[in-house]
C-alpha atoms as a PDB file:
ATOM      1  CA  MET A   1     -33.967 -21.554  37.388  1.00  0.00           C
ATOM      2  CA  THR A   2     -31.447 -22.576  34.399  1.00  0.00           C
ATOM      3  CA  ASP A   3     -32.299 -19.407  32.162  1.00  0.00           C
ATOM      4  CA  ASP A   4     -32.976 -15.844  32.932  1.00  0.00           C
ATOM      5  CA  ILE A   5     -36.610 -15.758  31.959  1.00  0.00           C
ATOM      6  CA  THR A   6     -38.581 -12.461  32.338  1.00  0.00           C
ATOM      7  CA  VAL A   7     -41.813 -11.174  31.538  1.00  0.00           C
ATOM      8  CA  THR A   8     -41.735  -8.949  28.420  1.00  0.00           C
ATOM      9  CA  GLY A   9     -45.450  -8.247  28.011  1.00  0.00           C
ATOM     10  CA  LEU A  10     -48.773  -8.479  29.544  1.00  0.00           C
ATOM     11  CA  TYR A  11     -52.106  -8.094  27.742  1.00  0.00           C
ATOM     12  CA  ARG A  12     -55.971  -8.301  28.057  1.00  0.00           C
ATOM     13  CA  TYR A  13     -58.740  -8.326  25.817  1.00  0.00           C
ATOM     14  CA  PRO A  14     -61.612  -6.665  27.493  1.00  0.00           C
ATOM     15  CA  VAL A  15     -63.742  -7.384  24.391  1.00  0.00           C
ATOM     16  CA  LYS A  16     -63.756 -10.852  23.235  1.00  0.00           C
ATOM     17  CA  GLY A  17     -62.446 -10.705  19.353  1.00  0.00           C
ATOM     18  CA  LEU A  18     -61.383  -7.186  19.574  1.00  0.00           C
ATOM     19  CA  SER A  19     -57.888  -5.809  19.950  1.00  0.00           C
ATOM     20  CA  PRO A  20     -55.609  -6.175  23.079  1.00  0.00           C
ATOM     21  CA  GLN A  21     -54.719  -3.758  25.786  1.00  0.00           C
ATOM     22  CA  ALA A  22     -50.984  -3.474  26.727  1.00  0.00           C
ATOM     23  CA  LEU A  23     -50.652  -3.468  30.713  1.00  0.00           C
ATOM     24  CA  PRO A  24     -47.261  -2.377  32.496  1.00  0.00           C
ATOM     25  CA  ARG A  25     -48.540  -4.126  35.409  1.00  0.00           C
ATOM     26  CA  VAL A  26     -51.613  -6.379  36.579  1.00  0.00           C
ATOM     27  CA  ARG A  27     -52.749  -7.837  40.210  1.00  0.00           C
ATOM     28  CA  LEU A  28     -54.159 -11.245  39.724  1.00  0.00           C
ATOM     29  CA  GLU A  29     -56.543 -12.951  41.910  1.00  0.00           C
ATOM     30  CA  GLN A  30     -56.226 -16.863  42.917  1.00  0.00           C
ATOM     31  CA  GLY A  31     -58.151 -18.942  40.335  1.00  0.00           C
ATOM     32  CA  GLU A  32     -59.161 -15.780  38.280  1.00  0.00           C
ATOM     33  CA  THR A  33     -58.367 -14.537  34.867  1.00  0.00           C
ATOM     34  CA  MET A  34     -56.611 -10.923  34.449  1.00  0.00           C
ATOM     35  CA  PRO A  35     -59.048  -8.290  35.328  1.00  0.00           C
ATOM     36  CA  PHE A  36     -61.606  -7.485  32.386  1.00  0.00           C
ATOM     37  CA  ASP A  37     -59.963  -9.826  30.361  1.00  0.00           C
ATOM     38  CA  ARG A  38     -62.874 -11.188  27.949  1.00  0.00           C
ATOM     39  CA  ALA A  39     -65.209  -9.683  30.099  1.00  0.00           C
ATOM     40  CA  TRP A  40     -67.603  -8.820  27.270  1.00  0.00           C
ATOM     41  CA  ALA A  41     -68.401 -10.902  24.149  1.00  0.00           C
ATOM     42  CA  VAL A  42     -70.517  -9.938  21.099  1.00  0.00           C
ATOM     43  CA  GLU A  43     -73.184 -12.354  20.206  1.00  0.00           C
ATOM     44  CA  ASN A  44     -73.516 -12.960  16.692  1.00  0.00           C
ATOM     45  CA  GLY A  45     -77.270 -12.890  15.942  1.00  0.00           C
ATOM     46  CA  PRO A  46     -79.808 -14.853  18.562  1.00  0.00           C
ATOM     47  CA  GLY A  47     -77.695 -16.034  21.296  1.00  0.00           C
ATOM     48  CA  ARG A  48     -77.595 -18.395  24.048  1.00  0.00           C
ATOM     49  CA  PHE A  49     -75.764 -16.665  26.867  1.00  0.00           C
ATOM     50  CA  ASP A  50     -77.799 -16.056  30.030  1.00  0.00           C
ATOM     51  CA  GLN A  51     -76.515 -13.413  31.886  1.00  0.00           C
ATOM     52  CA  ASN A  52     -78.276 -14.572  34.974  1.00  0.00           C
ATOM     53  CA  ALA A  53     -76.770 -18.133  34.429  1.00  0.00           C
ATOM     54  CA  PRO A  54     -73.770 -17.700  32.752  1.00  0.00           C
ATOM     55  CA  ARG A  55     -71.793 -20.641  31.255  1.00  0.00           C
ATOM     56  CA  HIS A  56     -68.957 -21.413  28.946  1.00  0.00           C
ATOM     57  CA  LEU A  57     -70.341 -21.325  25.150  1.00  0.00           C
ATOM     58  CA  PRO A  58     -68.223 -22.150  22.178  1.00  0.00           C
ATOM     59  CA  LYS A  59     -66.680 -19.338  20.525  1.00  0.00           C
ATOM     60  CA  ALA A  60     -68.671 -19.776  17.627  1.00  0.00           C
ATOM     61  CA  ALA A  61     -71.585 -18.111  19.462  1.00  0.00           C
ATOM     62  CA  PHE A  62     -69.750 -14.850  19.331  1.00  0.00           C
ATOM     63  CA  LEU A  63     -67.844 -12.378  16.781  1.00  0.00           C
ATOM     64  CA  MET A  64     -64.388 -13.799  16.706  1.00  0.00           C
ATOM     65  CA  LEU A  65     -61.109 -13.652  14.637  1.00  0.00           C
ATOM     66  CA  MET A  66     -61.305 -17.205  13.338  1.00  0.00           C
ATOM     67  CA  ARG A  67     -64.184 -16.436  11.325  1.00  0.00           C
ATOM     68  CA  ASP A  68     -64.571 -12.612  11.350  1.00  0.00           C
ATOM     69  CA  GLU A  69     -60.939 -11.601  10.291  1.00  0.00           C
ATOM     70  CA  ARG A  70     -62.485  -7.934   9.722  1.00  0.00           C
ATOM     71  CA  LEU A  71     -62.325  -7.375  13.415  1.00  0.00           C
ATOM     72  CA  ALA A  72     -58.728  -7.039  13.261  1.00  0.00           C
ATOM     73  CA  THR A  73     -58.837  -3.966  11.221  1.00  0.00           C
ATOM     74  CA  LEU A  74     -60.034  -2.064  14.507  1.00  0.00           C
ATOM     75  CA  GLN A  75     -58.168  -0.537  17.126  1.00  0.00           C
ATOM     76  CA  THR A  76     -59.964  -0.153  20.534  1.00  0.00           C
ATOM     77  CA  SER A  77     -58.861   1.357  23.884  1.00  0.00           C
ATOM     78  CA  PHE A  78     -60.687   0.466  27.161  1.00  0.00           C
ATOM     79  CA  ASP A  79     -60.928   2.749  30.226  1.00  0.00           C
ATOM     80  CA  GLU A  80     -60.920   0.613  33.365  1.00  0.00           C
ATOM     81  CA  ALA A  81     -62.360   3.618  35.460  1.00  0.00           C
ATOM     82  CA  THR A  82     -65.248   4.265  33.233  1.00  0.00           C
ATOM     83  CA  GLN A  83     -65.719   0.731  31.714  1.00  0.00           C
ATOM     84  CA  THR A  84     -65.721   3.018  28.132  1.00  0.00           C
ATOM     85  CA  LEU A  85     -64.682   1.378  25.027  1.00  0.00           C
ATOM     86  CA  THR A  86     -63.332   3.601  22.063  1.00  0.00           C
ATOM     87  CA  ILE A  87     -63.096   1.962  18.693  1.00  0.00           C
ATOM     88  CA  ALA A  88     -60.797   3.203  15.985  1.00  0.00           C
ATOM     89  CA  ARG A  89     -60.264   2.352  12.280  1.00  0.00           C
ATOM     90  CA  GLY A  90     -57.152   3.845  10.636  1.00  0.00           C
ATOM     91  CA  GLY A  91     -56.241   5.941  13.690  1.00  0.00           C
ATOM     92  CA  LYS A  92     -59.634   7.748  13.736  1.00  0.00           C
ATOM     93  CA  PRO A  93     -62.261   7.051  16.605  1.00  0.00           C
ATOM     94  CA  VAL A  94     -65.590   5.498  15.053  1.00  0.00           C
ATOM     95  CA  SER A  95     -67.435   4.516  17.920  1.00  0.00           C
ATOM     96  CA  ARG A  96     -67.280   5.307  21.833  1.00  0.00           C
ATOM     97  CA  GLY A  97     -69.650   3.469  24.614  1.00  0.00           C
ATOM     98  CA  ASP A  98     -69.713   2.841  28.373  1.00  0.00           C
ATOM     99  CA  LEU A  99     -70.033  -1.052  28.370  1.00  0.00           C
ATOM    100  CA  ALA A 100     -71.472  -0.783  31.615  1.00  0.00           C
ATOM    101  CA  THR A 101     -74.659   0.768  30.463  1.00  0.00           C
ATOM    102  CA  LYS A 102     -77.254  -0.405  28.019  1.00  0.00           C
ATOM    103  CA  THR A 103     -77.052   3.120  25.932  1.00  0.00           C
ATOM    104  CA  GLY A 104     -73.255   2.485  25.924  1.00  0.00           C
ATOM    105  CA  ARG A 105     -73.537  -0.982  24.503  1.00  0.00           C
ATOM    106  CA  SER A 106     -76.215   0.229  22.184  1.00  0.00           C
ATOM    107  CA  ILE A 107     -73.729   2.645  20.544  1.00  0.00           C
ATOM    108  CA  ILE A 108     -70.931   0.165  20.001  1.00  0.00           C
ATOM    109  CA  GLU A 109     -73.850  -2.611  18.773  1.00  0.00           C
ATOM    110  CA  GLN A 110     -75.048  -0.220  16.036  1.00  0.00           C
ATOM    111  CA  PHE A 111     -71.740   0.205  15.108  1.00  0.00           C
ATOM    112  CA  LEU A 112     -70.744  -3.148  14.766  1.00  0.00           C
ATOM    113  CA  ALA A 113     -73.911  -4.121  12.882  1.00  0.00           C
ATOM    114  CA  ALA A 114     -72.989  -1.753  10.004  1.00  0.00           C
ATOM    115  CA  TYR A 115     -69.405  -2.639  10.162  1.00  0.00           C
ATOM    116  CA  MET A 116     -69.637  -6.621  10.342  1.00  0.00           C
ATOM    117  CA  LYS A 117     -72.867  -6.670   8.275  1.00  0.00           C
ATOM    118  CA  ASP A 118     -71.448  -9.413   6.035  1.00  0.00           C
ATOM    119  CA  SER A 119     -70.520 -11.696   9.046  1.00  0.00           C
ATOM    120  CA  LEU A 120     -73.703 -11.412  11.310  1.00  0.00           C
ATOM    121  CA  ARG A 121     -76.680 -14.096  11.725  1.00  0.00           C
ATOM    122  CA  GLY A 122     -78.615 -11.016  13.193  1.00  0.00           C
ATOM    123  CA  PRO A 123     -78.244  -8.084  15.447  1.00  0.00           C
ATOM    124  CA  PRO A 124     -75.152  -8.325  17.541  1.00  0.00           C
ATOM    125  CA  ARG A 125     -75.717  -8.007  21.346  1.00  0.00           C
ATOM    126  CA  ILE A 126     -72.958  -7.447  23.677  1.00  0.00           C
ATOM    127  CA  VAL A 127     -73.134  -9.678  26.948  1.00  0.00           C
ATOM    128  CA  SER A 128     -71.420  -9.911  30.265  1.00  0.00           C
ATOM    129  CA  ALA A 129     -72.006 -11.199  33.640  1.00  0.00           C
ATOM    130  CA  PRO A 130     -70.269 -10.753  37.011  1.00  0.00           C
ATOM    131  CA  GLY A 131     -67.206 -12.983  37.342  1.00  0.00           C
ATOM    132  CA  HIS A 132     -67.422 -14.278  34.035  1.00  0.00           C
ATOM    133  CA  SER A 133     -64.754 -14.541  31.131  1.00  0.00           C
ATOM    134  CA  PHE A 134     -65.524 -15.449  27.517  1.00  0.00           C
ATOM    135  CA  THR A 135     -62.362 -17.261  27.021  1.00  0.00           C
ATOM    136  CA  ASP A 136     -62.070 -20.251  24.595  1.00  0.00           C
ATOM    137  CA  ILE A 137     -61.975 -22.796  27.783  1.00  0.00           C
ATOM    138  CA  ALA A 138     -64.327 -23.152  30.353  1.00  0.00           C
ATOM    139  CA  GLU A 139     -61.672 -22.963  33.373  1.00  0.00           C
ATOM    140  CA  GLN A 140     -60.368 -19.446  34.436  1.00  0.00           C
ATOM    141  CA  GLY A 141     -56.640 -18.929  34.083  1.00  0.00           C
ATOM    142  CA  VAL A 142     -54.044 -17.040  31.670  1.00  0.00           C
ATOM    143  CA  HIS A 143     -52.304 -17.623  28.555  1.00  0.00           C
ATOM    144  CA  LEU A 144     -48.650 -17.354  28.297  1.00  0.00           C
ATOM    145  CA  ILE A 145     -46.344 -17.474  25.221  1.00  0.00           C
ATOM    146  CA  ASN A 146     -42.687 -18.105  24.885  1.00  0.00           C
ATOM    147  CA  LEU A 147     -40.713 -15.827  22.540  1.00  0.00           C
ATOM    148  CA  ALA A 148     -38.148 -18.347  21.712  1.00  0.00           C
ATOM    149  CA  THR A 149     -40.845 -20.919  20.674  1.00  0.00           C
ATOM    150  CA  LEU A 150     -42.159 -18.008  18.305  1.00  0.00           C
ATOM    151  CA  ALA A 151     -38.879 -17.342  16.974  1.00  0.00           C
ATOM    152  CA  ASP A 152     -38.337 -21.056  16.175  1.00  0.00           C
ATOM    153  CA  LEU A 153     -41.602 -21.046  14.325  1.00  0.00           C
ATOM    154  CA  GLU A 154     -40.666 -17.986  12.560  1.00  0.00           C
ATOM    155  CA  ARG A 155     -37.352 -19.901  11.494  1.00  0.00           C
ATOM    156  CA  VAL A 156     -39.488 -22.648   9.874  1.00  0.00           C
ATOM    157  CA  MET A 157     -42.259 -20.241   8.364  1.00  0.00           C
ATOM    158  CA  GLY A 158     -39.312 -18.011   7.195  1.00  0.00           C
ATOM    159  CA  ARG A 159     -41.163 -14.764   8.132  1.00  0.00           C
ATOM    160  CA  LYS A 160     -41.761 -12.577  11.072  1.00  0.00           C
ATOM    161  CA  LEU A 161     -45.024 -13.146  13.328  1.00  0.00           C
ATOM    162  CA  ASN A 162     -46.504 -10.660  15.521  1.00  0.00           C
ATOM    163  CA  PRO A 163     -46.951 -12.610  18.892  1.00  0.00           C
ATOM    164  CA  LEU A 164     -50.451 -10.992  19.016  1.00  0.00           C
ATOM    165  CA  ARG A 165     -51.684 -13.442  16.633  1.00  0.00           C
ATOM    166  CA  PHE A 166     -51.626 -15.820  19.472  1.00  0.00           C
ATOM    167  CA  ARG A 167     -53.730 -13.340  21.940  1.00  0.00           C
ATOM    168  CA  PRO A 168     -51.311 -13.998  24.934  1.00  0.00           C
ATOM    169  CA  ASN A 169     -51.828 -12.807  28.359  1.00  0.00           C
ATOM    170  CA  ILE A 170     -48.355 -13.101  29.222  1.00  0.00           C
ATOM    171  CA  VAL A 171     -45.119 -13.007  27.309  1.00  0.00           C
ATOM    172  CA  ILE A 172     -42.026 -14.284  28.446  1.00  0.00           C
ATOM    173  CA  SER A 173     -38.398 -14.218  26.946  1.00  0.00           C
ATOM    174  CA  GLY A 174     -35.166 -15.759  27.975  1.00  0.00           C
ATOM    175  CA  ALA A 175     -36.640 -19.749  27.943  1.00  0.00           C
ATOM    176  CA  ALA A 176     -35.429 -22.246  25.690  1.00  0.00           C
ATOM    177  CA  PRO A 177     -37.838 -23.045  22.794  1.00  0.00           C
ATOM    178  CA  TRP A 178     -40.674 -25.036  23.699  1.00  0.00           C
ATOM    179  CA  ALA A 179     -39.524 -25.168  27.204  1.00  0.00           C
ATOM    180  CA  GLU A 180     -43.086 -24.332  28.031  1.00  0.00           C
ATOM    181  CA  PHE A 181     -44.438 -27.565  27.223  1.00  0.00           C
ATOM    182  CA  GLY A 182     -42.096 -29.231  29.917  1.00  0.00           C
ATOM    183  CA  TRP A 183     -43.542 -27.070  32.430  1.00  0.00           C
ATOM    184  CA  LEU A 184     -47.052 -28.879  32.677  1.00  0.00           C
ATOM    185  CA  GLY A 185     -47.866 -29.400  36.334  1.00  0.00           C
ATOM    186  CA  GLN A 186     -45.220 -26.988  37.525  1.00  0.00           C
ATOM    187  CA  GLU A 187     -45.546 -23.813  39.354  1.00  0.00           C
ATOM    188  CA  LEU A 188     -43.863 -20.591  37.964  1.00  0.00           C
ATOM    189  CA  ARG A 189     -42.729 -18.090  40.503  1.00  0.00           C
ATOM    190  CA  ILE A 190     -43.110 -14.683  39.003  1.00  0.00           C
ATOM    191  CA  GLY A 191     -41.247 -11.286  40.354  1.00  0.00           C
ATOM    192  CA  SER A 192     -41.417 -10.186  44.017  1.00  0.00           C
ATOM    193  CA  GLY A 193     -45.445  -9.464  44.070  1.00  0.00           C
ATOM    194  CA  GLY A 194     -46.277 -13.030  44.946  1.00  0.00           C
ATOM    195  CA  VAL A 195     -47.632 -14.365  41.870  1.00  0.00           C
ATOM    196  CA  ARG A 196     -47.481 -18.031  41.386  1.00  0.00           C
ATOM    197  CA  LEU A 197     -48.754 -19.681  38.335  1.00  0.00           C
ATOM    198  CA  GLU A 198     -49.496 -23.701  37.790  1.00  0.00           C
ATOM    199  CA  ILE A 199     -48.952 -24.418  33.898  1.00  0.00           C
ATOM    200  CA  THR A 200     -52.158 -26.681  33.268  1.00  0.00           C
ATOM    201  CA  ASP A 201     -52.058 -27.314  29.408  1.00  0.00           C
ATOM    202  CA  ARG A 202     -50.715 -26.553  26.085  1.00  0.00           C
ATOM    203  CA  VAL A 203     -52.816 -24.377  23.807  1.00  0.00           C
ATOM    204  CA  GLY A 204     -54.266 -26.005  20.561  1.00  0.00           C
ATOM    205  CA  ARG A 205     -54.259 -23.461  17.537  1.00  0.00           C
ATOM    206  CA  CYS A 206     -56.958 -22.658  15.140  1.00  0.00           C
ATOM    207  CA  ALA A 207     -57.537 -20.340  12.194  1.00  0.00           C
ATOM    208  CA  ALA A 208     -57.803 -17.251  14.292  1.00  0.00           C
ATOM    209  CA  THR A 209     -53.750 -17.210  14.221  1.00  0.00           C
ATOM    210  CA  ASN A 210     -53.644 -17.033  10.584  1.00  0.00           C
ATOM    211  CA  VAL A 211     -54.998 -13.406  10.913  1.00  0.00           C
ATOM    212  CA  ASP A 212     -52.384 -10.743  10.829  1.00  0.00           C
ATOM    213  CA  PRO A 213     -53.599  -8.565  13.958  1.00  0.00           C
ATOM    214  CA  GLU A 214     -52.385  -5.553  12.474  1.00  0.00           C
ATOM    215  CA  THR A 215     -53.965  -5.627   8.918  1.00  0.00           C
ATOM    216  CA  GLY A 216     -56.706  -8.133   9.142  1.00  0.00           C
ATOM    217  CA  ALA A 217     -55.506 -10.336   6.177  1.00  0.00           C
ATOM    218  CA  ARG A 218     -55.622 -14.063   6.429  1.00  0.00           C
ATOM    219  CA  ASP A 219     -51.607 -14.478   5.524  1.00  0.00           C
ATOM    220  CA  ALA A 220     -50.432 -17.537   6.905  1.00  0.00           C
ATOM    221  CA  ASP A 221     -51.434 -21.055   7.710  1.00  0.00           C
ATOM    222  CA  ILE A 222     -50.171 -21.644  11.164  1.00  0.00           C
ATOM    223  CA  PRO A 223     -51.864 -24.550  12.623  1.00  0.00           C
ATOM    224  CA  ALA A 224     -51.118 -26.438   9.327  1.00  0.00           C
ATOM    225  CA  ARG A 225     -47.489 -25.529   9.557  1.00  0.00           C
ATOM    226  CA  LEU A 226     -47.400 -26.617  13.369  1.00  0.00           C
ATOM    227  CA  GLU A 227     -49.021 -29.963  12.346  1.00  0.00           C
ATOM    228  CA  ARG A 228     -46.273 -30.345   9.331  1.00  0.00           C
ATOM    229  CA  GLN A 229     -43.278 -29.487  11.303  1.00  0.00           C
ATOM    230  CA  TRP A 230     -44.049 -30.942  14.821  1.00  0.00           C
ATOM    231  CA  GLY A 231     -46.770 -33.170  14.620  1.00  0.00           C
ATOM    232  CA  HIS A 232     -49.224 -31.036  16.811  1.00  0.00           C
ATOM    233  CA  ARG A 233     -50.999 -27.780  16.559  1.00  0.00           C
ATOM    234  CA  ASP A 234     -50.075 -26.375  20.020  1.00  0.00           C
ATOM    235  CA  PHE A 235     -48.490 -23.004  20.848  1.00  0.00           C
ATOM    236  CA  GLY A 236     -48.273 -21.517  24.366  1.00  0.00           C
ATOM    237  CA  VAL A 237     -49.640 -22.909  27.438  1.00  0.00           C
ATOM    238  CA  TYR A 238     -52.641 -22.171  29.897  1.00  0.00           C
ATOM    239  CA  ALA A 239     -51.810 -21.369  33.540  1.00  0.00           C
ATOM    240  CA  LYS A 240     -53.931 -20.952  36.568  1.00  0.00           C
ATOM    241  CA  VAL A 241     -53.467 -18.452  39.435  1.00  0.00           C
ATOM    242  CA  THR A 242     -52.478 -20.281  42.571  1.00  0.00           C
ATOM    243  CA  ALA A 243     -51.202 -17.459  44.411  1.00  0.00           C
ATOM    244  CA  ARG A 244     -52.641 -13.940  44.200  1.00  0.00           C
ATOM    245  CA  GLY A 245     -50.274 -10.768  43.612  1.00  0.00           C
ATOM    246  CA  VAL A 246     -49.004  -8.009  41.136  1.00  0.00           C
ATOM    247  CA  LEU A 247     -47.435  -8.935  38.009  1.00  0.00           C
ATOM    248  CA  THR A 248     -45.215  -6.363  36.366  1.00  0.00           C
ATOM    249  CA  CYS A 249     -43.316  -6.199  32.950  1.00  0.00           C
ATOM    250  CA  GLY A 250     -39.591  -7.109  33.595  1.00  0.00           C
ATOM    251  CA  ASP A 251     -40.356  -9.438  36.357  1.00  0.00           C
ATOM    252  CA  ALA A 252     -38.049 -12.647  36.831  1.00  0.00           C
ATOM    253  CA  VAL A 253     -39.808 -16.115  36.493  1.00  0.00           C
ATOM    254  CA  SER A 254     -38.473 -19.074  37.998  1.00  0.00           C
ATOM    255  CA  THR A 255     -39.793 -22.624  37.480  1.00  0.00           C
ATOM    256  CA  SER A 256     -38.151 -26.131  38.387  1.00  0.00           C
ATOM    257  CA  ALA A 257     -38.639 -27.415  34.969  1.00  0.00           C
ATOM    258  CA  ALA A 258     -37.060 -24.406  32.825  1.00  0.00           C
ATOM    259  CA  ARG A 259     -35.872 -26.816  30.190  1.00  0.00           C
ATOM    260  CA  ALA A 260     -37.033 -27.926  26.796  1.00  0.00           C
ATOM    261  CA  PRO A 261     -39.063 -31.341  26.842  1.00  0.00           C
ATOM    262  CA  ALA A 262     -37.312 -34.336  25.838  1.00  0.00           C
END
């Protein structure tokens, strides 16, 4: 290991397109995503998702930040024990429902039908299936970003950027800028909890990153700036969990390729 790399943030997104939930620690299982990460999604009008035969669908089938930035003005909290989602706006609760029950989902759907009416193609429907995650790619895994790479992007753009624009599961610090692109095919060994991650791909960015996660405003053009400055639209990497274990904020990260790519 050439840098003192550590985990500085852990996040999951129980409902696709809605706000993240910060976690102090999480148990990862081999070949899976974080528990309850994108476990639910909101179909935008008549949908194609079959709960009895789940398959990956393009994100355009669901409410999403790339198109529906008003979602970012909502703050959500998720109780794992009861699977209850609470939605707030401006710090005040506006809707609450048990996502595991039809009644609870209906309560949330009714709120979204009114709040997101200008974005909807029909009645919204909250969908899920056991073991299915509504990530942007078909493969199960986690999404990691490097704060040094973010700092380099901030330097070029001349402004601060909230790392949650990029919807990461894992945030690290201490690596060199863009080092994560040199880790493709490499294994990360994290902490003493046994977790191993194989870095599988770079993450291509869409217009969702242009939305400020605190205000819901489209106030940047990050994919275009990445393209102009570096000749690509990639930021962050995907990883596959190759060994189960507990991941904790503050864990040390080691890899055989902790250098920026040439």
